[in-house]
Amino acid sequence: GTPIAEYVPDQLVNGRLALVGDAAHVP
């Protein structure tokens, strides 16, 4: 077994900062 981390974002933007790609969502 290999642990898999997943991240479901609630937001991608905070003011002038935006996350994209694996920083924003980890399937």
PDB file of all heavy atoms in Angstrom:
ATOM      1  N   GLY A   1       0.832  -1.201   0.000  1.00  0.00           N
ATOM      2  CA  GLY A   1       0.000   0.000   0.000  1.00  0.00           C
ATOM      3  C   GLY A   1       0.865   1.248   0.000  1.00  0.00           C
ATOM      4  O   GLY A   1       1.899   1.295   0.645  1.00  0.00           O
ATOM      5  N   THR A   2       0.461   2.209  -0.754  1.00  0.00           N
ATOM      6  CA  THR A   2       1.158   3.495  -0.795  1.00  0.00           C
ATOM      7  C   THR A   2       0.174   4.580  -0.397  1.00  0.00           C
ATOM      8  O   THR A   2      -0.879   4.712  -1.025  1.00  0.00           O
ATOM      9  CB  THR A   2       1.687   3.783  -2.221  1.00  0.00           C
ATOM     10  OG1 THR A   2       2.535   2.725  -2.619  1.00  0.00           O
ATOM     11  CG2 THR A   2       2.434   5.098  -2.262  1.00  0.00           C
ATOM     12  N   PRO A   3       0.503   5.340   0.638  1.00  0.00           N
ATOM     13  CA  PRO A   3      -0.421   6.410   1.029  1.00  0.00           C
ATOM     14  C   PRO A   3      -0.518   7.467  -0.064  1.00  0.00           C
ATOM     15  O   PRO A   3       0.484   7.809  -0.693  1.00  0.00           O
ATOM     16  CB  PRO A   3       0.192   6.980   2.306  1.00  0.00           C
ATOM     17  CG  PRO A   3       1.588   6.484   2.345  1.00  0.00           C
ATOM     18  CD  PRO A   3       1.686   5.287   1.460  1.00  0.00           C
ATOM     19  N   ILE A   4      -1.707   7.946  -0.285  1.00  0.00           N
ATOM     20  CA  ILE A   4      -1.941   8.974  -1.296  1.00  0.00           C
ATOM     21  C   ILE A   4      -2.585  10.168  -0.607  1.00  0.00           C
ATOM     22  O   ILE A   4      -3.606  10.039   0.060  1.00  0.00           O
ATOM     23  CB  ILE A   4      -2.861   8.453  -2.416  1.00  0.00           C
ATOM     24  CG1 ILE A   4      -2.180   7.309  -3.149  1.00  0.00           C
ATOM     25  CG2 ILE A   4      -3.233   9.577  -3.374  1.00  0.00           C
ATOM     26  CD1 ILE A   4      -3.042   6.636  -4.183  1.00  0.00           C
ATOM     27  N   ALA A   5      -1.962  11.318  -0.767  1.00  0.00           N
ATOM     28  CA  ALA A   5      -2.525  12.555  -0.219  1.00  0.00           C
ATOM     29  C   ALA A   5      -3.363  13.218  -1.300  1.00  0.00           C
ATOM     30  O   ALA A   5      -2.946  13.310  -2.450  1.00  0.00           O
ATOM     31  CB  ALA A   5      -1.406  13.483   0.230  1.00  0.00           C
ATOM     32  N   GLU A   6      -4.551  13.640  -0.921  1.00  0.00           N
ATOM     33  CA  GLU A   6      -5.440  14.342  -1.848  1.00  0.00           C
ATOM     34  C   GLU A   6      -5.855  15.641  -1.180  1.00  0.00           C
ATOM     35  O   GLU A   6      -5.924  15.721   0.045  1.00  0.00           O
ATOM     36  CB  GLU A   6      -6.675  13.497  -2.149  1.00  0.00           C
ATOM     37  CG  GLU A   6      -6.326  12.177  -2.797  1.00  0.00           C
ATOM     38  CD  GLU A   6      -7.462  11.187  -2.738  1.00  0.00           C
ATOM     39  OE1 GLU A   6      -8.004  10.978  -1.635  1.00  0.00           O
ATOM     40  OE2 GLU A   6      -7.800  10.644  -3.778  1.00  0.00           O
ATOM     41  N   TYR A   7      -6.121  16.630  -1.984  1.00  0.00           N
ATOM     42  CA  TYR A   7      -6.525  17.935  -1.453  1.00  0.00           C
ATOM     43  C   TYR A   7      -7.666  18.484  -2.279  1.00  0.00           C
ATOM     44  O   TYR A   7      -7.531  18.703  -3.474  1.00  0.00           O
ATOM     45  CB  TYR A   7      -5.344  18.903  -1.464  1.00  0.00           C
ATOM     46  CG  TYR A   7      -5.732  20.311  -1.099  1.00  0.00           C
ATOM     47  CD1 TYR A   7      -6.171  20.617   0.185  1.00  0.00           C
ATOM     48  CD2 TYR A   7      -5.686  21.329  -2.039  1.00  0.00           C
ATOM     49  CE1 TYR A   7      -6.552  21.912   0.521  1.00  0.00           C
ATOM     50  CE2 TYR A   7      -6.061  22.619  -1.714  1.00  0.00           C
ATOM     51  CZ  TYR A   7      -6.486  22.900  -0.434  1.00  0.00           C
ATOM     52  OH  TYR A   7      -6.869  24.164  -0.108  1.00  0.00           O
ATOM     53  N   VAL A   8      -8.812  18.696  -1.630  1.00  0.00           N
ATOM     54  CA  VAL A   8      -9.980  19.298  -2.274  1.00  0.00           C
ATOM     55  C   VAL A   8     -10.019  20.763  -1.838  1.00  0.00           C
ATOM     56  O   VAL A   8     -10.247  21.047  -0.666  1.00  0.00           O
ATOM     57  CB  VAL A   8     -11.290  18.602  -1.850  1.00  0.00           C
ATOM     58  CG1 VAL A   8     -12.486  19.234  -2.549  1.00  0.00           C
ATOM     59  CG2 VAL A   8     -11.226  17.113  -2.134  1.00  0.00           C
ATOM     60  N   PRO A   9      -9.798  21.690  -2.755  1.00  0.00           N
ATOM     61  CA  PRO A   9      -9.733  23.099  -2.353  1.00  0.00           C
ATOM     62  C   PRO A   9     -11.107  23.709  -2.079  1.00  0.00           C
ATOM     63  O   PRO A   9     -12.091  23.326  -2.686  1.00  0.00           O
ATOM     64  CB  PRO A   9      -9.095  23.773  -3.574  1.00  0.00           C
ATOM     65  CG  PRO A   9      -9.533  22.923  -4.726  1.00  0.00           C
ATOM     66  CD  PRO A   9      -9.563  21.522  -4.182  1.00  0.00           C
ATOM     67  N   ASP A  10     -11.125  24.646  -1.157  1.00  0.00           N
ATOM     68  CA  ASP A  10     -12.320  25.454  -0.916  1.00  0.00           C
ATOM     69  C   ASP A  10     -12.226  26.765  -1.683  1.00  0.00           C
ATOM     70  O   ASP A  10     -13.239  27.405  -1.950  1.00  0.00           O
ATOM     71  CB  ASP A  10     -12.486  25.748   0.576  1.00  0.00           C
ATOM     72  CG  ASP A  10     -12.838  24.501   1.354  1.00  0.00           C
ATOM     73  OD1 ASP A  10     -13.612  23.670   0.831  1.00  0.00           O
ATOM     74  OD2 ASP A  10     -12.342  24.346   2.480  1.00  0.00           O
ATOM     75  N   GLN A  11     -11.005  27.163  -1.979  1.00  0.00           N
ATOM     76  CA  GLN A  11     -10.792  28.367  -2.769  1.00  0.00           C
ATOM     77  C   GLN A  11      -9.446  28.237  -3.479  1.00  0.00           C
ATOM     78  O   GLN A  11      -8.606  27.436  -3.090  1.00  0.00           O
ATOM     79  CB  GLN A  11     -10.814  29.624  -1.897  1.00  0.00           C
ATOM     80  CG  GLN A  11      -9.690  29.709  -0.866  1.00  0.00           C
ATOM     81  CD  GLN A  11      -9.839  30.910   0.032  1.00  0.00           C
ATOM     82  OE1 GLN A  11     -10.791  30.987   0.789  1.00  0.00           O
ATOM     83  NE2 GLN A  11      -8.905  31.850  -0.070  1.00  0.00           N
ATOM     84  N   LEU A  12      -9.284  28.982  -4.552  1.00  0.00           N
ATOM     85  CA  LEU A  12      -8.045  28.994  -5.307  1.00  0.00           C
ATOM     86  C   LEU A  12      -7.375  30.358  -5.237  1.00  0.00           C
ATOM     87  O   LEU A  12      -6.224  30.503  -5.649  1.00  0.00           O
ATOM     88  CB  LEU A  12      -8.314  28.642  -6.776  1.00  0.00           C
ATOM     89  CG  LEU A  12      -8.976  27.298  -7.037  1.00  0.00           C
ATOM     90  CD1 LEU A  12      -9.289  27.140  -8.518  1.00  0.00           C
ATOM     91  CD2 LEU A  12      -8.099  26.163  -6.543  1.00  0.00           C
ATOM     92  N   VAL A  13      -8.100  31.351  -4.746  1.00  0.00           N
ATOM     93  CA  VAL A  13      -7.646  32.736  -4.770  1.00  0.00           C
ATOM     94  C   VAL A  13      -7.853  33.376  -3.408  1.00  0.00           C
ATOM     95  O   VAL A  13      -8.858  33.135  -2.741  1.00  0.00           O
ATOM     96  CB  VAL A  13      -8.427  33.529  -5.844  1.00  0.00           C
ATOM     97  CG1 VAL A  13      -8.141  35.008  -5.769  1.00  0.00           C
ATOM     98  CG2 VAL A  13      -8.115  32.989  -7.227  1.00  0.00           C
ATOM     99  N   ASN A  14      -6.884  34.201  -3.034  1.00  0.00           N
ATOM    100  CA  ASN A  14      -7.005  35.039  -1.844  1.00  0.00           C
ATOM    101  C   ASN A  14      -6.384  36.381  -2.198  1.00  0.00           C
ATOM    102  O   ASN A  14      -5.164  36.510  -2.254  1.00  0.00           O
ATOM    103  CB  ASN A  14      -6.301  34.399  -0.656  1.00  0.00           C
ATOM    104  CG  ASN A  14      -6.532  35.163   0.630  1.00  0.00           C
ATOM    105  OD1 ASN A  14      -7.150  36.221   0.631  1.00  0.00           O
ATOM    106  ND2 ASN A  14      -6.032  34.615   1.719  1.00  0.00           N
ATOM    107  N   GLY A  15      -7.238  37.346  -2.487  1.00  0.00           N
ATOM    108  CA  GLY A  15      -6.750  38.661  -2.891  1.00  0.00           C
ATOM    109  C   GLY A  15      -5.989  38.600  -4.204  1.00  0.00           C
ATOM    110  O   GLY A  15      -6.521  38.198  -5.219  1.00  0.00           O
ATOM    111  N   ARG A  16      -4.705  38.965  -4.161  1.00  0.00           N
ATOM    112  CA  ARG A  16      -3.868  38.969  -5.364  1.00  0.00           C
ATOM    113  C   ARG A  16      -3.036  37.696  -5.490  1.00  0.00           C
ATOM    114  O   ARG A  16      -2.101  37.647  -6.286  1.00  0.00           O
ATOM    115  CB  ARG A  16      -2.958  40.193  -5.347  1.00  0.00           C
ATOM    116  CG  ARG A  16      -3.732  41.494  -5.464  1.00  0.00           C
ATOM    117  CD  ARG A  16      -2.855  42.701  -5.258  1.00  0.00           C
ATOM    118  NE  ARG A  16      -1.561  42.577  -5.913  1.00  0.00           N
ATOM    119  CZ  ARG A  16      -1.090  43.411  -6.822  1.00  0.00           C
ATOM    120  NH1 ARG A  16      -1.807  44.446  -7.181  1.00  0.00           N
ATOM    121  NH2 ARG A  16       0.093  43.225  -7.348  1.00  0.00           N
ATOM    122  N   LEU A  17      -3.352  36.685  -4.725  1.00  0.00           N
ATOM    123  CA  LEU A  17      -2.625  35.419  -4.745  1.00  0.00           C
ATOM    124  C   LEU A  17      -3.529  34.331  -5.308  1.00  0.00           C
ATOM    125  O   LEU A  17      -4.665  34.175  -4.868  1.00  0.00           O
ATOM    126  CB  LEU A  17      -2.201  35.040  -3.318  1.00  0.00           C
ATOM    127  CG  LEU A  17      -1.549  33.676  -3.143  1.00  0.00           C
ATOM    128  CD1 LEU A  17      -0.175  33.661  -3.803  1.00  0.00           C
ATOM    129  CD2 LEU A  17      -1.436  33.334  -1.680  1.00  0.00           C
ATOM    130  N   ALA A  18      -3.007  33.586  -6.279  1.00  0.00           N
ATOM    131  CA  ALA A  18      -3.763  32.470  -6.858  1.00  0.00           C
ATOM    132  C   ALA A  18      -2.900  31.226  -6.866  1.00  0.00           C
ATOM    133  O   ALA A  18      -1.698  31.286  -7.128  1.00  0.00           O
ATOM    134  CB  ALA A  18      -4.201  32.801  -8.278  1.00  0.00           C
ATOM    135  N   LEU A  19      -3.499  30.104  -6.566  1.00  0.00           N
ATOM    136  CA  LEU A  19      -2.820  28.820  -6.662  1.00  0.00           C
ATOM    137  C   LEU A  19      -3.301  28.108  -7.915  1.00  0.00           C
ATOM    138  O   LEU A  19      -4.484  28.145  -8.244  1.00  0.00           O
ATOM    139  CB  LEU A  19      -3.120  27.969  -5.428  1.00  0.00           C
ATOM    140  CG  LEU A  19      -2.610  28.508  -4.102  1.00  0.00           C
ATOM    141  CD1 LEU A  19      -3.088  27.622  -2.958  1.00  0.00           C
ATOM    142  CD2 LEU A  19      -1.094  28.605  -4.097  1.00  0.00           C
ATOM    143  N   VAL A  20      -2.377  27.459  -8.592  1.00  0.00           N
ATOM    144  CA  VAL A  20      -2.709  26.685  -9.788  1.00  0.00           C
ATOM    145  C   VAL A  20      -2.022  25.326  -9.708  1.00  0.00           C
ATOM    146  O   VAL A  20      -1.071  25.132  -8.968  1.00  0.00           O
ATOM    147  CB  VAL A  20      -2.284  27.414 -11.092  1.00  0.00           C
ATOM    148  CG1 VAL A  20      -2.996  28.735 -11.248  1.00  0.00           C
ATOM    149  CG2 VAL A  20      -0.785  27.606 -11.142  1.00  0.00           C
ATOM    150  N   GLY A  21      -2.505  24.399 -10.482  1.00  0.00           N
ATOM    151  CA  GLY A  21      -1.874  23.084 -10.570  1.00  0.00           C
ATOM    152  C   GLY A  21      -1.890  22.334  -9.260  1.00  0.00           C
ATOM    153  O   GLY A  21      -2.823  22.446  -8.470  1.00  0.00           O
ATOM    154  N   ASP A  22      -0.826  21.560  -9.009  1.00  0.00           N
ATOM    155  CA  ASP A  22      -0.769  20.731  -7.805  1.00  0.00           C
ATOM    156  C   ASP A  22      -0.769  21.545  -6.522  1.00  0.00           C
ATOM    157  O   ASP A  22      -1.117  21.038  -5.472  1.00  0.00           O
ATOM    158  CB  ASP A  22       0.463  19.831  -7.828  1.00  0.00           C
ATOM    159  CG  ASP A  22       0.321  18.656  -8.782  1.00  0.00           C
ATOM    160  OD1 ASP A  22      -0.801  18.422  -9.273  1.00  0.00           O
ATOM    161  OD2 ASP A  22       1.331  17.973  -9.037  1.00  0.00           O
ATOM    162  N   ALA A  23      -0.374  22.794  -6.593  1.00  0.00           N
ATOM    163  CA  ALA A  23      -0.440  23.644  -5.400  1.00  0.00           C
ATOM    164  C   ALA A  23      -1.883  23.956  -5.034  1.00  0.00           C
ATOM    165  O   ALA A  23      -2.199  24.192  -3.877  1.00  0.00           O
ATOM    166  CB  ALA A  23       0.327  24.947  -5.633  1.00  0.00           C
ATOM    167  N   ALA A  24      -2.761  23.929  -6.020  1.00  0.00           N
ATOM    168  CA  ALA A  24      -4.160  24.307  -5.809  1.00  0.00           C
ATOM    169  C   ALA A  24      -5.067  23.120  -5.541  1.00  0.00           C
ATOM    170  O   ALA A  24      -6.061  23.239  -4.828  1.00  0.00           O
ATOM    171  CB  ALA A  24      -4.680  25.072  -7.026  1.00  0.00           C
ATOM    172  N   HIS A  25      -4.744  22.005  -6.118  1.00  0.00           N
ATOM    173  CA  HIS A  25      -5.591  20.816  -5.993  1.00  0.00           C
ATOM    174  C   HIS A  25      -4.744  19.586  -6.235  1.00  0.00           C
ATOM    175  O   HIS A  25      -3.965  19.527  -7.163  1.00  0.00           O
ATOM    176  CB  HIS A  25      -6.745  20.860  -7.003  1.00  0.00           C
ATOM    177  CG  HIS A  25      -6.321  21.324  -8.364  1.00  0.00           C
ATOM    178  ND1 HIS A  25      -5.711  20.518  -9.292  1.00  0.00           N
ATOM    179  CD2 HIS A  25      -6.403  22.545  -8.936  1.00  0.00           C
ATOM    180  CE1 HIS A  25      -5.453  21.209 -10.388  1.00  0.00           C
ATOM    181  NE2 HIS A  25      -5.855  22.453 -10.196  1.00  0.00           N
ATOM    182  N   VAL A  26      -4.870  18.608  -5.361  1.00  0.00           N
ATOM    183  CA  VAL A  26      -4.059  17.399  -5.477  1.00  0.00           C
ATOM    184  C   VAL A  26      -4.987  16.198  -5.616  1.00  0.00           C
ATOM    185  O   VAL A  26      -5.547  15.724  -4.640  1.00  0.00           O
ATOM    186  CB  VAL A  26      -3.135  17.219  -4.249  1.00  0.00           C
ATOM    187  CG1 VAL A  26      -2.278  15.967  -4.404  1.00  0.00           C
ATOM    188  CG2 VAL A  26      -2.252  18.445  -4.063  1.00  0.00           C
ATOM    189  N   PRO A  27      -5.176  15.720  -6.852  1.00  0.00           N
ATOM    190  CA  PRO A  27      -6.002  14.522  -7.044  1.00  0.00           C
ATOM    191  C   PRO A  27      -5.152  13.264  -6.879  1.00  0.00           C
ATOM    192  O   PRO A  27      -3.926  13.305  -6.962  1.00  0.00           O
ATOM    193  CB  PRO A  27      -6.461  14.656  -8.493  1.00  0.00           C
ATOM    194  CG  PRO A  27      -5.310  15.340  -9.169  1.00  0.00           C
ATOM    195  CD  PRO A  27      -4.757  16.293  -8.125  1.00  0.00           C
TER     196      PRO A  27
END
